[in-house]
C-alpha cells in the first residue's frame, strides 16, 4: 500500500513540475517578442514607400518589403520594415498594404529579429 502511494505521488509531482516548467518557458517566450521592439524618442515620417507587401506575420505586426517604383512597373524589393497593427486590421502573407488616406507612415522605432543569416534590425512603421 505504501509503495503504491509513493508511486502515485511521484507521478503527480512529475506532472506538476512539467506543467510549471512549460508555463515558465511560455512566459519567457512571450516576453521576448515585446522586448524586440525599441521605441525611438522622436518619431519621424517614413518617406521611403507608401505601399508594402507582407512576407511574414509576427505577433502584433508583420514584416513587409517596401515598394520600389520603376518607369512603368513597381516591385516589392525595397527595404524590410515591421508594420505594427492598429488592433482592428489583421495581416496575412502576400498582403499589399497602402498607407491609409489622411494618415502618414511614421517610423516609431526599430525591430530586432533572427534569420538564418543572423540578426536583423529594421524600422518599425505605424500609420498615424
Foldseek 3Di string as FASTA:
>chain_A
DVVVVVVVVVVVVVVVVVVVVVVVVVVVVVVVQVVQWDFDPDKDFDDPAFKWFFAAADDQWTKTAGWDDDPDDIDRPHDIETEGDPVPDDDDHRDMDGQDPPWTWMFGTWGWDADPVGIDIHTYTYID
